[in-house]
Amino acid sequence: MSVLDDLLRQKAEIEARILDARAQEIDRLKLEFAFLALKLRELNGLPKPLVDLFTDKGGTFNSFRALNVKKP
């Protein structure tokens, strides 16, 4: 295997690890945001546009469903 082939393989592995770490961080932040939105809603501190965003047609507020995350 040439040096170039080895470096390209390493680059591909690093890029895959970066994408995986990015996806995990996004999921963690979305979950954190969903909890924060729920707490702010309970305290009537969530801005109206966000309340509307997280409220479905039936009038149910659910930041977890809107952000497509599951409660742990």
N, C-alpha and C. Protein backbone atom coordinates (compact mmCIF):
# COMPACT_ATOMS: atom_id res chain seq x y z
N MET A 1 0.85 -1.18 0.00
CA MET A 1 0.00 0.00 0.00
C MET A 1 0.89 1.24 0.00
N SER A 2 0.57 2.15 -0.86
CA SER A 2 1.38 3.36 -0.94
C SER A 2 1.02 4.32 0.19
N VAL A 3 1.86 5.27 0.39
CA VAL A 3 1.64 6.28 1.43
C VAL A 3 0.35 7.04 1.15
N LEU A 4 0.12 7.35 -0.12
CA LEU A 4 -1.09 8.08 -0.48
C LEU A 4 -2.35 7.28 -0.15
N ASP A 5 -2.35 5.99 -0.47
CA ASP A 5 -3.50 5.15 -0.16
C ASP A 5 -3.75 5.10 1.35
N ASP A 6 -2.68 5.00 2.10
CA ASP A 6 -2.80 4.95 3.56
C ASP A 6 -3.37 6.26 4.10
N LEU A 7 -2.89 7.37 3.60
CA LEU A 7 -3.38 8.67 4.06
C LEU A 7 -4.84 8.90 3.67
N LEU A 8 -5.22 8.47 2.48
CA LEU A 8 -6.61 8.60 2.05
C LEU A 8 -7.54 7.74 2.91
N ARG A 9 -7.09 6.56 3.28
CA ARG A 9 -7.87 5.69 4.15
C ARG A 9 -8.04 6.34 5.52
N GLN A 10 -6.95 6.91 6.05
CA GLN A 10 -7.01 7.58 7.35
C GLN A 10 -7.94 8.79 7.29
N LYS A 11 -7.87 9.51 6.19
CA LYS A 11 -8.73 10.68 6.02
C LYS A 11 -10.20 10.27 6.03
N ALA A 12 -10.52 9.20 5.32
CA ALA A 12 -11.90 8.71 5.27
C ALA A 12 -12.37 8.28 6.66
N GLU A 13 -11.50 7.61 7.41
CA GLU A 13 -11.86 7.18 8.77
C GLU A 13 -12.10 8.39 9.68
N ILE A 14 -11.25 9.39 9.57
CA ILE A 14 -11.39 10.59 10.39
C ILE A 14 -12.67 11.33 10.04
N GLU A 15 -12.97 11.46 8.74
CA GLU A 15 -14.19 12.14 8.32
C GLU A 15 -15.42 11.39 8.82
N ALA A 16 -15.39 10.08 8.81
CA ALA A 16 -16.52 9.30 9.32
C ALA A 16 -16.69 9.51 10.82
N ARG A 17 -15.58 9.57 11.55
CA ARG A 17 -15.66 9.81 13.00
C ARG A 17 -16.18 11.20 13.28
N ILE A 18 -15.79 12.19 12.47
CA ILE A 18 -16.28 13.55 12.64
C ILE A 18 -17.79 13.60 12.42
N LEU A 19 -18.28 12.95 11.38
CA LEU A 19 -19.71 12.94 11.11
C LEU A 19 -20.48 12.26 12.24
N ASP A 20 -19.94 11.18 12.77
CA ASP A 20 -20.59 10.47 13.87
C ASP A 20 -20.63 11.35 15.13
N ALA A 21 -19.52 11.99 15.44
CA ALA A 21 -19.46 12.86 16.62
C ALA A 21 -20.40 14.04 16.46
N ARG A 22 -20.47 14.59 15.27
CA ARG A 22 -21.37 15.71 14.99
C ARG A 22 -22.82 15.29 15.19
N ALA A 23 -23.20 14.13 14.67
CA ALA A 23 -24.57 13.64 14.81
C ALA A 23 -24.93 13.42 16.28
N GLN A 24 -24.01 12.87 17.04
CA GLN A 24 -24.26 12.64 18.47
C GLN A 24 -24.42 13.97 19.20
N GLU A 25 -23.60 14.94 18.87
CA GLU A 25 -23.68 16.25 19.53
C GLU A 25 -25.00 16.95 19.18
N ILE A 26 -25.42 16.85 17.94
CA ILE A 26 -26.69 17.45 17.53
C ILE A 26 -27.84 16.80 18.29
N ASP A 27 -27.85 15.47 18.39
CA ASP A 27 -28.90 14.77 19.13
C ASP A 27 -28.92 15.20 20.59
N ARG A 28 -27.75 15.34 21.20
CA ARG A 28 -27.68 15.74 22.61
C ARG A 28 -28.22 17.15 22.79
N LEU A 29 -27.84 18.06 21.90
CA LEU A 29 -28.30 19.44 22.00
C LEU A 29 -29.80 19.57 21.74
N LYS A 30 -30.33 18.78 20.80
CA LYS A 30 -31.77 18.80 20.55
C LYS A 30 -32.54 18.32 21.77
N LEU A 31 -32.04 17.28 22.44
CA LEU A 31 -32.69 16.78 23.64
C LEU A 31 -32.64 17.82 24.75
N GLU A 32 -31.49 18.46 24.90
CA GLU A 32 -31.33 19.52 25.89
C GLU A 32 -32.30 20.67 25.61
N PHE A 33 -32.41 21.04 24.35
CA PHE A 33 -33.31 22.11 23.94
C PHE A 33 -34.77 21.74 24.20
N ALA A 34 -35.13 20.49 23.94
CA ALA A 34 -36.50 20.05 24.18
C ALA A 34 -36.85 20.15 25.67
N PHE A 35 -35.94 19.75 26.53
CA PHE A 35 -36.17 19.87 27.97
C PHE A 35 -36.28 21.34 28.39
N LEU A 36 -35.41 22.17 27.85
CA LEU A 36 -35.43 23.59 28.17
C LEU A 36 -36.74 24.24 27.70
N ALA A 37 -37.18 23.90 26.50
CA ALA A 37 -38.44 24.44 25.98
C ALA A 37 -39.60 24.02 26.87
N LEU A 38 -39.59 22.77 27.33
CA LEU A 38 -40.66 22.28 28.21
C LEU A 38 -40.67 23.04 29.53
N LYS A 39 -39.50 23.25 30.10
CA LYS A 39 -39.41 23.99 31.37
C LYS A 39 -39.87 25.44 31.20
N LEU A 40 -39.43 26.08 30.12
CA LEU A 40 -39.84 27.45 29.86
C LEU A 40 -41.34 27.55 29.63
N ARG A 41 -41.92 26.57 28.97
CA ARG A 41 -43.37 26.55 28.73
C ARG A 41 -44.11 26.44 30.06
N GLU A 42 -43.63 25.59 30.95
CA GLU A 42 -44.27 25.43 32.26
C GLU A 42 -44.24 26.73 33.05
N LEU A 43 -43.21 27.54 32.82
CA LEU A 43 -43.07 28.82 33.53
C LEU A 43 -43.65 29.99 32.73
N ASN A 44 -44.31 29.68 31.62
CA ASN A 44 -44.85 30.70 30.70
C ASN A 44 -43.76 31.68 30.26
N GLY A 45 -42.56 31.16 30.05
CA GLY A 45 -41.44 31.99 29.63
C GLY A 45 -40.98 31.72 28.21
N LEU A 46 -41.72 30.87 27.50
CA LEU A 46 -41.34 30.54 26.13
C LEU A 46 -42.02 31.52 25.18
N PRO A 47 -41.26 32.12 24.27
CA PRO A 47 -41.86 33.07 23.33
C PRO A 47 -42.98 32.43 22.50
N LYS A 48 -43.99 33.21 22.18
CA LYS A 48 -45.17 32.72 21.46
C LYS A 48 -44.83 32.00 20.16
N PRO A 49 -43.91 32.49 19.34
CA PRO A 49 -43.60 31.75 18.11
C PRO A 49 -43.08 30.33 18.38
N LEU A 50 -42.32 30.16 19.45
CA LEU A 50 -41.84 28.82 19.78
C LEU A 50 -42.96 27.94 20.34
N VAL A 51 -43.84 28.55 21.11
CA VAL A 51 -45.00 27.80 21.61
C VAL A 51 -45.80 27.28 20.42
N ASP A 52 -46.04 28.15 19.45
CA ASP A 52 -46.78 27.75 18.25
C ASP A 52 -46.05 26.65 17.49
N LEU A 53 -44.75 26.76 17.40
CA LEU A 53 -43.95 25.77 16.69
C LEU A 53 -44.05 24.38 17.34
N PHE A 54 -44.05 24.35 18.66
CA PHE A 54 -44.07 23.08 19.39
C PHE A 54 -45.48 22.57 19.70
N THR A 55 -46.50 23.28 19.26
CA THR A 55 -47.88 22.88 19.52
C THR A 55 -48.46 22.28 18.24
N ASP A 56 -49.06 21.08 18.38
CA ASP A 56 -49.62 20.43 17.20
C ASP A 56 -51.04 20.95 16.93
N LYS A 57 -51.68 20.43 15.91
CA LYS A 57 -53.01 20.90 15.51
C LYS A 57 -54.06 20.64 16.58
N GLY A 58 -53.82 19.66 17.41
CA GLY A 58 -54.75 19.34 18.49
C GLY A 58 -54.56 20.22 19.72
N GLY A 59 -53.57 21.10 19.69
CA GLY A 59 -53.33 22.01 20.81
C GLY A 59 -52.43 21.42 21.89
N THR A 60 -51.76 20.33 21.58
CA THR A 60 -50.88 19.68 22.55
C THR A 60 -49.46 20.19 22.37
N PHE A 61 -48.87 20.68 23.45
CA PHE A 61 -47.48 21.15 23.41
C PHE A 61 -46.57 19.95 23.61
N ASN A 62 -45.67 19.72 22.67
CA ASN A 62 -44.73 18.61 22.79
C ASN A 62 -43.44 18.95 22.04
N SER A 63 -42.48 19.49 22.77
CA SER A 63 -41.21 19.87 22.15
C SER A 63 -40.41 18.65 21.71
N PHE A 64 -40.61 17.52 22.36
CA PHE A 64 -39.86 16.31 22.00
C PHE A 64 -40.29 15.79 20.64
N ARG A 65 -41.60 15.77 20.40
CA ARG A 65 -42.09 15.31 19.12
C ARG A 65 -41.68 16.28 18.01
N ALA A 66 -41.78 17.58 18.27
CA ALA A 66 -41.44 18.59 17.26
C ALA A 66 -39.96 18.50 16.86
N LEU A 67 -39.10 18.20 17.82
CA LEU A 67 -37.66 18.09 17.54
C LEU A 67 -37.25 16.67 17.17
N ASN A 68 -38.23 15.75 17.19
CA ASN A 68 -37.99 14.36 16.83
C ASN A 68 -36.90 13.72 17.70
N VAL A 69 -37.05 13.89 19.02
CA VAL A 69 -36.14 13.25 19.98
C VAL A 69 -36.98 12.47 20.98
N LYS A 70 -36.37 11.49 21.59
CA LYS A 70 -37.06 10.68 22.60
C LYS A 70 -36.57 11.02 23.98
N LYS A 71 -37.50 11.03 24.93
CA LYS A 71 -37.10 11.24 26.32
C LYS A 71 -36.28 10.05 26.78
N PRO A 72 -35.23 10.32 27.55
CA PRO A 72 -34.41 9.19 28.03
C PRO A 72 -35.14 8.38 29.07
